[in-house]
C-alpha cells in the first residue's frame, strides 16, 4: 500500500486554543502519523502520512468548522509519503 502525505497550512485563530492537540487526537483515530507545528506567523502546519482516505478525512476535519479556535483558511496538497514518522506529535 502506497502512503500519502498531506501537507496543510491552517490560518486563523489556531494557536493557544488546543488546536494542535485536537489535530493529534483526530490523526491518531484515523491511524495517520505526522506532526502539527505552530509557525511564527500564527498559522499551524500539519503534515500527516498514511492511507489516502484517512489523510483526506483529516483534511475534511480541518475544514469542518468544528475545530478549536477559528480556522480561516486551509491550504493543502497531497504528495507521495516519505516516511519518517512513527506516531503523530505536536511540534
PDB file of N, CA and C in Angstrom:
ATOM      1  N   UNK A   1       0.845  -1.180   0.000  1.00  0.00           N
ATOM      2  CA  UNK A   1       0.000   0.000   0.000  1.00  0.00           C
ATOM      3  C   UNK A   1       0.889   1.241   0.000  1.00  0.00           C
ATOM      4  N   UNK A   2       0.605   2.149  -0.910  1.00  0.00           N
ATOM      5  CA  UNK A   2       1.350   3.387  -1.016  1.00  0.00           C
ATOM      6  C   UNK A   2       0.792   4.409  -0.036  1.00  0.00           C
ATOM      7  N   UNK A   3       1.670   5.044   0.692  1.00  0.00           N
ATOM      8  CA  UNK A   3       1.230   6.054   1.649  1.00  0.00           C
ATOM      9  C   UNK A   3       1.208   7.427   1.001  1.00  0.00           C
ATOM     10  N   UNK A   4       0.330   8.250   1.505  1.00  0.00           N
ATOM     11  CA  UNK A   4       0.143   9.606   1.027  1.00  0.00           C
ATOM     12  C   UNK A   4       0.581  10.578   2.102  1.00  0.00           C
ATOM     13  N   UNK A   5       1.105  11.724   1.674  1.00  0.00           N
ATOM     14  CA  UNK A   5       1.441  12.803   2.607  1.00  0.00           C
ATOM     15  C   UNK A   5       0.513  13.971   2.351  1.00  0.00           C
ATOM     16  N   UNK A   6      -0.151  14.416   3.406  1.00  0.00           N
ATOM     17  CA  UNK A   6      -0.939  15.643   3.389  1.00  0.00           C
ATOM     18  C   UNK A   6      -0.102  16.716   4.051  1.00  0.00           C
ATOM     19  N   UNK A   7       0.078  17.838   3.369  1.00  0.00           N
ATOM     20  CA  UNK A   7       0.724  19.000   3.960  1.00  0.00           C
ATOM     21  C   UNK A   7      -0.298  20.125   3.923  1.00  0.00           C
ATOM     22  N   UNK A   8      -0.673  20.621   5.096  1.00  0.00           N
ATOM     23  CA  UNK A   8      -1.704  21.657   5.180  1.00  0.00           C
ATOM     24  C   UNK A   8      -1.213  22.816   6.033  1.00  0.00           C
ATOM     25  N   UNK A   9      -1.501  24.027   5.570  1.00  0.00           N
ATOM     26  CA  UNK A   9      -1.243  25.233   6.341  1.00  0.00           C
ATOM     27  C   UNK A   9      -2.596  25.787   6.752  1.00  0.00           C
ATOM     28  N   UNK A  10      -2.796  25.884   8.057  1.00  0.00           N
ATOM     29  CA  UNK A  10      -4.077  26.310   8.613  1.00  0.00           C
ATOM     30  C   UNK A  10      -3.901  27.707   9.202  1.00  0.00           C
ATOM     31  N   UNK A  11      -4.714  28.650   8.739  1.00  0.00           N
ATOM     32  CA  UNK A  11      -4.636  30.021   9.245  1.00  0.00           C
ATOM     33  C   UNK A  11      -5.921  30.388   9.967  1.00  0.00           C
ATOM     34  N   UNK A  12      -5.813  31.400  10.785  1.00  0.00           N
ATOM     35  CA  UNK A  12      -6.933  31.872  11.603  1.00  0.00           C
ATOM     36  C   UNK A  12      -6.462  31.936  13.043  1.00  0.00           C
ATOM     37  N   UNK A  13      -7.392  31.811  13.963  1.00  0.00           N
ATOM     38  CA  UNK A  13      -7.043  31.769  15.384  1.00  0.00           C
ATOM     39  C   UNK A  13      -6.860  30.295  15.752  1.00  0.00           C
ATOM     40  N   UNK A  14      -5.651  29.783  15.522  1.00  0.00           N
ATOM     41  CA  UNK A  14      -5.390  28.356  15.702  1.00  0.00           C
ATOM     42  C   UNK A  14      -4.213  28.069  16.642  1.00  0.00           C
ATOM     43  N   UNK A  15      -3.693  29.085  17.290  1.00  0.00           N
ATOM     44  CA  UNK A  15      -2.650  28.876  18.292  1.00  0.00           C
ATOM     45  C   UNK A  15      -3.197  29.257  19.658  1.00  0.00           C
ATOM     46  N   UNK A  16      -2.748  28.523  20.681  1.00  0.00           N
ATOM     47  CA  UNK A  16      -3.143  28.752  22.080  1.00  0.00           C
ATOM     48  C   UNK A  16      -4.628  28.496  22.314  1.00  0.00           C
ATOM     49  N   UNK A  17      -5.205  27.564  21.524  1.00  0.00           N
ATOM     50  CA  UNK A  17      -6.625  27.220  21.683  1.00  0.00           C
ATOM     51  C   UNK A  17      -6.838  25.705  21.714  1.00  0.00           C
ATOM     52  N   UNK A  18      -5.752  24.923  21.809  1.00  0.00           N
ATOM     53  CA  UNK A  18      -5.863  23.469  21.816  1.00  0.00           C
ATOM     54  C   UNK A  18      -5.988  22.856  20.438  1.00  0.00           C
ATOM     55  N   UNK A  19      -5.692  23.630  19.406  1.00  0.00           N
ATOM     56  CA  UNK A  19      -5.849  23.149  18.031  1.00  0.00           C
ATOM     57  C   UNK A  19      -4.915  21.982  17.708  1.00  0.00           C
ATOM     58  N   UNK A  20      -3.646  22.098  18.033  1.00  0.00           N
ATOM     59  CA  UNK A  20      -2.689  21.024  17.716  1.00  0.00           C
ATOM     60  C   UNK A  20      -3.050  19.733  18.447  1.00  0.00           C
ATOM     61  N   UNK A  21      -3.472  19.839  19.689  1.00  0.00           N
ATOM     62  CA  UNK A  21      -3.916  18.663  20.447  1.00  0.00           C
ATOM     63  C   UNK A  21      -5.105  18.022  19.748  1.00  0.00           C
ATOM     64  N   UNK A  22      -6.051  18.839  19.313  1.00  0.00           N
ATOM     65  CA  UNK A  22      -7.235  18.348  18.601  1.00  0.00           C
ATOM     66  C   UNK A  22      -6.825  17.623  17.314  1.00  0.00           C
ATOM     67  N   UNK A  23      -5.881  18.212  16.573  1.00  0.00           N
ATOM     68  CA  UNK A  23      -5.401  17.582  15.334  1.00  0.00           C
ATOM     69  C   UNK A  23      -4.760  16.234  15.659  1.00  0.00           C
ATOM     70  N   UNK A  24      -3.932  16.199  16.690  1.00  0.00           N
ATOM     71  CA  UNK A  24      -3.269  14.936  17.058  1.00  0.00           C
ATOM     72  C   UNK A  24      -4.285  13.856  17.390  1.00  0.00           C
ATOM     73  N   UNK A  25      -5.299  14.184  18.159  1.00  0.00           N
ATOM     74  CA  UNK A  25      -6.334  13.209  18.528  1.00  0.00           C
ATOM     75  C   UNK A  25      -7.056  12.692  17.286  1.00  0.00           C
ATOM     76  N   UNK A  26      -7.389  13.571  16.349  1.00  0.00           N
ATOM     77  CA  UNK A  26      -8.058  13.131  15.105  1.00  0.00           C
ATOM     78  C   UNK A  26      -7.145  12.248  14.282  1.00  0.00           C
ATOM     79  N   UNK A  27      -5.874  12.641  14.181  1.00  0.00           N
ATOM     80  CA  UNK A  27      -4.906  11.868  13.402  1.00  0.00           C
ATOM     81  C   UNK A  27      -4.724  10.471  13.990  1.00  0.00           C
ATOM     82  N   UNK A  28      -4.627  10.391  15.304  1.00  0.00           N
ATOM     83  CA  UNK A  28      -4.464   9.093  15.951  1.00  0.00           C
ATOM     84  C   UNK A  28      -5.673   8.200  15.684  1.00  0.00           C
ATOM     85  N   UNK A  29      -6.872   8.746  15.747  1.00  0.00           N
ATOM     86  CA  UNK A  29      -8.087   7.966  15.473  1.00  0.00           C
ATOM     87  C   UNK A  29      -8.120   7.471  14.034  1.00  0.00           C
ATOM     88  N   UNK A  30      -7.555   8.247  13.126  1.00  0.00           N
ATOM     89  CA  UNK A  30      -7.552   7.882  11.708  1.00  0.00           C
ATOM     90  C   UNK A  30      -6.359   6.997  11.335  1.00  0.00           C
ATOM     91  N   UNK A  31      -5.409   6.849  12.247  1.00  0.00           N
ATOM     92  CA  UNK A  31      -4.255   5.996  12.003  1.00  0.00           C
ATOM     93  C   UNK A  31      -3.183   6.617  11.128  1.00  0.00           C
ATOM     94  N   UNK A  32      -3.112   7.949  11.109  1.00  0.00           N
ATOM     95  CA  UNK A  32      -2.054   8.606  10.346  1.00  0.00           C
ATOM     96  C   UNK A  32      -0.963   9.096  11.295  1.00  0.00           C
ATOM     97  N   UNK A  33       0.235   9.227  10.774  1.00  0.00           N
ATOM     98  CA  UNK A  33       1.368   9.731  11.547  1.00  0.00           C
ATOM     99  C   UNK A  33       1.741  11.111  11.025  1.00  0.00           C
ATOM    100  N   UNK A  34       2.535  11.838  11.789  1.00  0.00           N
ATOM    101  CA  UNK A  34       2.979  13.148  11.327  1.00  0.00           C
ATOM    102  C   UNK A  34       3.158  14.123  12.457  1.00  0.00           C
ATOM    103  N   UNK A  35       2.856  15.390  12.168  1.00  0.00           N
ATOM    104  CA  UNK A  35       3.100  16.441  13.147  1.00  0.00           C
ATOM    105  C   UNK A  35       2.201  17.654  12.887  1.00  0.00           C
ATOM    106  N   UNK A  36       1.976  18.427  13.924  1.00  0.00           N
ATOM    107  CA  UNK A  36       1.291  19.726  13.836  1.00  0.00           C
ATOM    108  C   UNK A  36       2.177  20.735  14.561  1.00  0.00           C
ATOM    109  N   UNK A  37       2.596  21.782  13.847  1.00  0.00           N
ATOM    110  CA  UNK A  37       3.593  22.716  14.369  1.00  0.00           C
ATOM    111  C   UNK A  37       3.089  24.156  14.269  1.00  0.00           C
ATOM    112  N   UNK A  38       3.212  24.915  15.362  1.00  0.00           N
ATOM    113  CA  UNK A  38       2.929  26.344  15.331  1.00  0.00           C
ATOM    114  C   UNK A  38       4.003  27.052  14.516  1.00  0.00           C
ATOM    115  N   UNK A  39       3.582  27.971  13.664  1.00  0.00           N
ATOM    116  CA  UNK A  39       4.517  28.763  12.859  1.00  0.00           C
ATOM    117  C   UNK A  39       4.580  30.188  13.405  1.00  0.00           C
ATOM    118  N   UNK A  40       5.682  30.896  13.170  1.00  0.00           N
ATOM    119  CA  UNK A  40       5.841  32.255  13.683  1.00  0.00           C
ATOM    120  C   UNK A  40       4.754  33.225  13.215  1.00  0.00           C
ATOM    121  N   UNK A  41       4.144  32.986  12.054  1.00  0.00           N
ATOM    122  CA  UNK A  41       3.119  33.893  11.536  1.00  0.00           C
ATOM    123  C   UNK A  41       1.731  33.641  12.123  1.00  0.00           C
ATOM    124  N   UNK A  42       1.615  32.690  13.071  1.00  0.00           N
ATOM    125  CA  UNK A  42       0.336  32.400  13.707  1.00  0.00           C
ATOM    126  C   UNK A  42      -0.413  31.236  13.091  1.00  0.00           C
ATOM    127  N   UNK A  43       0.094  30.699  11.996  1.00  0.00           N
ATOM    128  CA  UNK A  43      -0.542  29.542  11.363  1.00  0.00           C
ATOM    129  C   UNK A  43      -0.048  28.251  12.016  1.00  0.00           C
ATOM    130  N   UNK A  44      -0.672  27.141  11.625  1.00  0.00           N
ATOM    131  CA  UNK A  44      -0.226  25.816  12.045  1.00  0.00           C
ATOM    132  C   UNK A  44       0.001  24.986  10.790  1.00  0.00           C
ATOM    133  N   UNK A  45       1.156  24.336  10.710  1.00  0.00           N
ATOM    134  CA  UNK A  45       1.444  23.424   9.614  1.00  0.00           C
ATOM    135  C   UNK A  45       1.170  22.004  10.088  1.00  0.00           C
ATOM    136  N   UNK A  46       0.345  21.300   9.319  1.00  0.00           N
ATOM    137  CA  UNK A  46       0.007  19.911   9.618  1.00  0.00           C
ATOM    138  C   UNK A  46       0.596  19.041   8.520  1.00  0.00           C
ATOM    139  N   UNK A  47       1.379  18.053   8.907  1.00  0.00           N
ATOM    140  CA  UNK A  47       1.871  17.039   7.982  1.00  0.00           C
ATOM    141  C   UNK A  47       1.343  15.711   8.493  1.00  0.00           C
ATOM    142  N   UNK A  48       0.636  14.998   7.626  1.00  0.00           N
ATOM    143  CA  UNK A  48       0.058  13.715   8.002  1.00  0.00           C
ATOM    144  C   UNK A  48       0.343  12.699   6.911  1.00  0.00           C
ATOM    145  N   UNK A  49       0.809  11.530   7.323  1.00  0.00           N
ATOM    146  CA  UNK A  49       1.093  10.465   6.370  1.00  0.00           C
ATOM    147  C   UNK A  49       0.319   9.214   6.738  1.00  0.00           C
ATOM    148  N   UNK A  50      -0.163   8.555   5.701  1.00  0.00           N
ATOM    149  CA  UNK A  50      -0.896   7.309   5.896  1.00  0.00           C
ATOM    150  C   UNK A  50      -1.751   7.021   4.689  1.00  0.00           C
ATOM    151  N   UNK A  51      -2.797   6.258   4.911  1.00  0.00           N
ATOM    152  CA  UNK A  51      -3.746   5.921   3.871  1.00  0.00           C
ATOM    153  C   UNK A  51      -4.362   7.186   3.273  1.00  0.00           C
ATOM    154  N   UNK A  52      -4.533   7.221   1.967  1.00  0.00           N
ATOM    155  CA  UNK A  52      -5.070   8.412   1.268  1.00  0.00           C
ATOM    156  C   UNK A  52      -6.444   8.811   1.809  1.00  0.00           C
ATOM    157  N   UNK A  53      -7.303   7.821   2.050  1.00  0.00           N
ATOM    158  CA  UNK A  53      -8.639   8.129   2.570  1.00  0.00           C
ATOM    159  C   UNK A  53      -8.559   8.743   3.967  1.00  0.00           C
ATOM    160  N   UNK A  54      -7.678   8.201   4.809  1.00  0.00           N
ATOM    161  CA  UNK A  54      -7.533   8.732   6.172  1.00  0.00           C
ATOM    162  C   UNK A  54      -6.981  10.152   6.143  1.00  0.00           C
ATOM    163  N   UNK A  55      -6.005  10.403   5.284  1.00  0.00           N
ATOM    164  CA  UNK A  55      -5.449  11.756   5.165  1.00  0.00           C
ATOM    165  C   UNK A  55      -6.521  12.716   4.660  1.00  0.00           C
ATOM    166  N   UNK A  56      -7.343  12.259   3.728  1.00  0.00           N
ATOM    167  CA  UNK A  56      -8.445  13.085   3.233  1.00  0.00           C
ATOM    168  C   UNK A  56      -9.475  13.377   4.310  1.00  0.00           C
ATOM    169  N   UNK A  57      -9.729  12.401   5.162  1.00  0.00           N
ATOM    170  CA  UNK A  57     -10.665  12.619   6.277  1.00  0.00           C
ATOM    171  C   UNK A  57     -10.111  13.641   7.265  1.00  0.00           C
ATOM    172  N   UNK A  58      -8.794  13.603   7.488  1.00  0.00           N
ATOM    173  CA  UNK A  58      -8.191  14.604   8.371  1.00  0.00           C
ATOM    174  C   UNK A  58      -8.325  15.990   7.752  1.00  0.00           C
ATOM    175  N   UNK A  59      -8.095  16.107   6.458  1.00  0.00           N
ATOM    176  CA  UNK A  59      -8.257  17.393   5.788  1.00  0.00           C
ATOM    177  C   UNK A  59      -9.703  17.882   5.910  1.00  0.00           C
ATOM    178  N   UNK A  60     -10.659  16.988   5.713  1.00  0.00           N
ATOM    179  CA  UNK A  60     -12.069  17.357   5.878  1.00  0.00           C
ATOM    180  C   UNK A  60     -12.333  17.873   7.296  1.00  0.00           C
ATOM    181  N   UNK A  61     -11.735  17.227   8.287  1.00  0.00           N
ATOM    182  CA  UNK A  61     -11.907  17.653   9.677  1.00  0.00           C
ATOM    183  C   UNK A  61     -11.311  19.045   9.902  1.00  0.00           C
ATOM    184  N   UNK A  62     -10.146  19.306   9.294  1.00  0.00           N
ATOM    185  CA  UNK A  62      -9.528  20.629   9.429  1.00  0.00           C
ATOM    186  C   UNK A  62     -10.431  21.716   8.847  1.00  0.00           C
ATOM    187  N   UNK A  63     -11.159  21.387   7.799  1.00  0.00           N
ATOM    188  CA  UNK A  63     -12.028  22.353   7.116  1.00  0.00           C
ATOM    189  C   UNK A  63     -13.463  22.352   7.624  1.00  0.00           C
ATOM    190  N   UNK A  64     -13.767  21.531   8.604  1.00  0.00           N
ATOM    191  CA  UNK A  64     -15.146  21.293   9.025  1.00  0.00           C
ATOM    192  C   UNK A  64     -15.813  22.447   9.762  1.00  0.00           C
ATOM    193  N   UNK A  65     -15.034  23.330  10.358  1.00  0.00           N
ATOM    194  CA  UNK A  65     -15.628  24.364  11.194  1.00  0.00           C
ATOM    195  C   UNK A  65     -15.872  23.887  12.616  1.00  0.00           C
ATOM    196  N   UNK A  66     -15.504  22.646  12.923  1.00  0.00           N
ATOM    197  CA  UNK A  66     -15.693  22.072  14.260  1.00  0.00           C
ATOM    198  C   UNK A  66     -14.376  21.890  14.989  1.00  0.00           C
ATOM    199  N   UNK A  67     -13.469  22.822  14.799  1.00  0.00           N
ATOM    200  CA  UNK A  67     -12.155  22.767  15.423  1.00  0.00           C
ATOM    201  C   UNK A  67     -12.094  23.763  16.579  1.00  0.00           C
ATOM    202  N   UNK A  68     -11.133  23.600  17.489  1.00  0.00           N
ATOM    203  CA  UNK A  68     -10.899  24.655  18.470  1.00  0.00           C
ATOM    204  C   UNK A  68     -10.430  25.923  17.751  1.00  0.00           C
ATOM    205  N   UNK A  69     -10.725  27.057  18.314  1.00  0.00           N
ATOM    206  CA  UNK A  69     -10.329  28.320  17.688  1.00  0.00           C
ATOM    207  C   UNK A  69     -11.194  28.608  16.482  1.00  0.00           C
ATOM    208  N   UNK A  70     -10.640  29.349  15.545  1.00  0.00           N
ATOM    209  CA  UNK A  70     -11.370  29.706  14.329  1.00  0.00           C
ATOM    210  C   UNK A  70     -10.449  29.537  13.132  1.00  0.00           C
ATOM    211  N   UNK A  71     -10.769  28.558  12.305  1.00  0.00           N
ATOM    212  CA  UNK A  71      -9.993  28.338  11.088  1.00  0.00           C
ATOM    213  C   UNK A  71     -10.505  29.288  10.017  1.00  0.00           C
ATOM    214  N   UNK A  72      -9.609  30.073   9.469  1.00  0.00           N
ATOM    215  CA  UNK A  72      -9.966  30.991   8.393  1.00  0.00           C
ATOM    216  C   UNK A  72      -9.758  30.341   7.026  1.00  0.00           C
ATOM    217  N   UNK A  73      -8.647  29.600   6.900  1.00  0.00           N
ATOM    218  CA  UNK A  73      -8.322  29.001   5.606  1.00  0.00           C
ATOM    219  C   UNK A  73      -7.430  27.781   5.815  1.00  0.00           C
ATOM    220  N   UNK A  74      -7.579  26.805   4.930  1.00  0.00           N
ATOM    221  CA  UNK A  74      -6.705  25.639   4.930  1.00  0.00           C
ATOM    222  C   UNK A  74      -6.186  25.451   3.511  1.00  0.00           C
ATOM    223  N   UNK A  75      -4.884  25.646   3.329  1.00  0.00           N
ATOM    224  CA  UNK A  75      -4.242  25.367   2.044  1.00  0.00           C
ATOM    225  C   UNK A  75      -3.599  24.002   2.175  1.00  0.00           C
ATOM    226  N   UNK A  76      -3.898  23.103   1.235  1.00  0.00           N
ATOM    227  CA  UNK A  76      -3.422  21.731   1.380  1.00  0.00           C
ATOM    228  C   UNK A  76      -2.967  21.161   0.052  1.00  0.00           C
ATOM    229  N   UNK A  77      -2.033  20.222   0.167  1.00  0.00           N
ATOM    230  CA  UNK A  77      -1.603  19.471  -1.010  1.00  0.00           C
ATOM    231  C   UNK A  77      -1.286  18.050  -0.585  1.00  0.00           C
ATOM    232  N   UNK A  78      -1.490  17.134  -1.510  1.00  0.00           N
ATOM    233  CA  UNK A  78      -1.161  15.736  -1.296  1.00  0.00           C
ATOM    234  C   UNK A  78       0.058  15.392  -2.140  1.00  0.00           C
ATOM    235  N   UNK A  79       0.916  14.554  -1.597  1.00  0.00           N
ATOM    236  CA  UNK A  79       2.091  14.075  -2.325  1.00  0.00           C
ATOM    237  C   UNK A  79       2.368  12.651  -1.870  1.00  0.00           C
ATOM    238  N   UNK A  80       3.408  12.072  -2.412  1.00  0.00           N
ATOM    239  CA  UNK A  80       3.788  10.721  -2.018  1.00  0.00           C
ATOM    240  C   UNK A  80       4.367  10.745  -0.612  1.00  0.00           C
ATOM    241  N   UNK A  81       3.983   9.777   0.200  1.00  0.00           N
ATOM    242  CA  UNK A  81       4.510   9.679   1.554  1.00  0.00           C
ATOM    243  C   UNK A  81       6.014   9.484   1.547  1.00  0.00           C
ATOM    244  N   UNK A  82       6.685  10.037   2.543  1.00  0.00           N
ATOM    245  CA  UNK A  82       8.144   9.934   2.652  1.00  0.00           C
ATOM    246  C   UNK A  82       8.582   9.082   3.836  1.00  0.00           C
ATOM    247  N   UNK A  83       7.639   8.802   4.741  1.00  0.00           N
ATOM    248  CA  UNK A  83       8.002   8.040   5.941  1.00  0.00           C
ATOM    249  C   UNK A  83       8.694   8.936   6.951  1.00  0.00           C
ATOM    250  N   UNK A  84       9.212   8.335   7.965  1.00  0.00           N
ATOM    251  CA  UNK A  84       9.963   9.092   8.976  1.00  0.00           C
ATOM    252  C   UNK A  84       9.177   9.419  10.227  1.00  0.00           C
ATOM    253  N   UNK A  85       7.881   9.162  10.233  1.00  0.00           N
ATOM    254  CA  UNK A  85       7.069   9.397  11.426  1.00  0.00           C
ATOM    255  C   UNK A  85       6.593   8.064  11.976  1.00  0.00           C
ATOM    256  N   UNK A  86       6.771   7.853  13.270  1.00  0.00           N
ATOM    257  CA  UNK A  86       6.299   6.624  13.880  1.00  0.00           C
ATOM    258  C   UNK A  86       4.983   6.839  14.639  1.00  0.00           C
ATOM    259  N   UNK A  87       4.624   8.101  14.847  1.00  0.00           N
ATOM    260  CA  UNK A  87       3.385   8.453  15.545  1.00  0.00           C
ATOM    261  C   UNK A  87       2.996   9.858  15.087  1.00  0.00           C
ATOM    262  N   UNK A  88       1.944  10.401  15.672  1.00  0.00           N
ATOM    263  CA  UNK A  88       1.586  11.789  15.397  1.00  0.00           C
ATOM    264  C   UNK A  88       1.948  12.602  16.622  1.00  0.00           C
ATOM    265  N   UNK A  89       2.655  13.695  16.414  1.00  0.00           N
ATOM    266  CA  UNK A  89       3.108  14.501  17.558  1.00  0.00           C
ATOM    267  C   UNK A  89       2.835  15.985  17.305  1.00  0.00           C
ATOM    268  N   UNK A  90       2.750  16.683  18.401  1.00  0.00           N
ATOM    269  CA  UNK A  90       2.625  18.137  18.340  1.00  0.00           C
ATOM    270  C   UNK A  90       4.045  18.690  18.421  1.00  0.00           C
ATOM    271  N   UNK A  91       4.421  19.497  17.456  1.00  0.00           N
ATOM    272  CA  UNK A  91       5.785  20.011  17.443  1.00  0.00           C
ATOM    273  C   UNK A  91       5.903  21.399  17.949  1.00  0.00           C
TER     274      UNK A  91
END
